[in-house]
Amino acid sequence: GRSRKLAHRLAESARQSGVAAEAIDLAAYDVDQLIDVACAAFVLPTYAEGSAPEGYAAVLEQLQQNASDFRVSKASLASLRYTIFGLGNSEYPPLHFNAVARRADRALRTMGAVRVVRRCDGDDIDNLLEEQFDSWVRKVLPAMRAQQRRFEATQEEGGEEGGEEADSDEEADDGDGSGGAPALVDLEDLGSAMHRR
């Protein structure tokens, strides 16, 4: 669908800007693998009633369960740097508009992941979603390049990553009231991710 096309476009743009990237289908992705990911850009559509597409509803549910499970460390994804682009339509009730992107964002932050570019709640009501996506990508690509440089420098030094600045709007925009070179993986419907191992 549309999210797949956008995710592939993001991966291609990342490759053209010097970041290793590929597209991966979220439906076949194991959430537990996120622990080995350094950087991810998620592309997440929301369907009617605020639901995730059938193919990866289970992945989102597992992510949310991990975030609320007291046995899972709240720092389990502390090494993950991420951003999210939501595909939604504001004709949906506010509670459902980009609900999947908001839920994933909350779950990732709960497990310690650090957002490096503010989540974009894309709105297709006026057929401007593509322009919103392109604007978001222009912010994401420099962040991805910076994350890749940090990762490469860390690998050369043999140390741990850390010290990056989080998105300054991290808490303010929920809107729902509730050893080798890194490989950047574009998780279709999830976005781009730089593997640590």
Foldseek 3Di string as FASTA:
>chain_A
DVLLVLQQVLQVVLVVLPAFEAEAAQLPDDLLQLLQWQEWEAEFEADAPQAGPPSHSVVLVVLLCLLPDPVRAQQSNQNYEYEYEYEAAPVHDLLNQSNSRLSNLVSCVSSNYFYAAYYHRAHCHPPCRVVSSVVSSVVVSVVSVVSLVQLVVCLVVVHDDDDDDGDPCSPPPSSNPPNDRWHWYQYRNTHITTGND
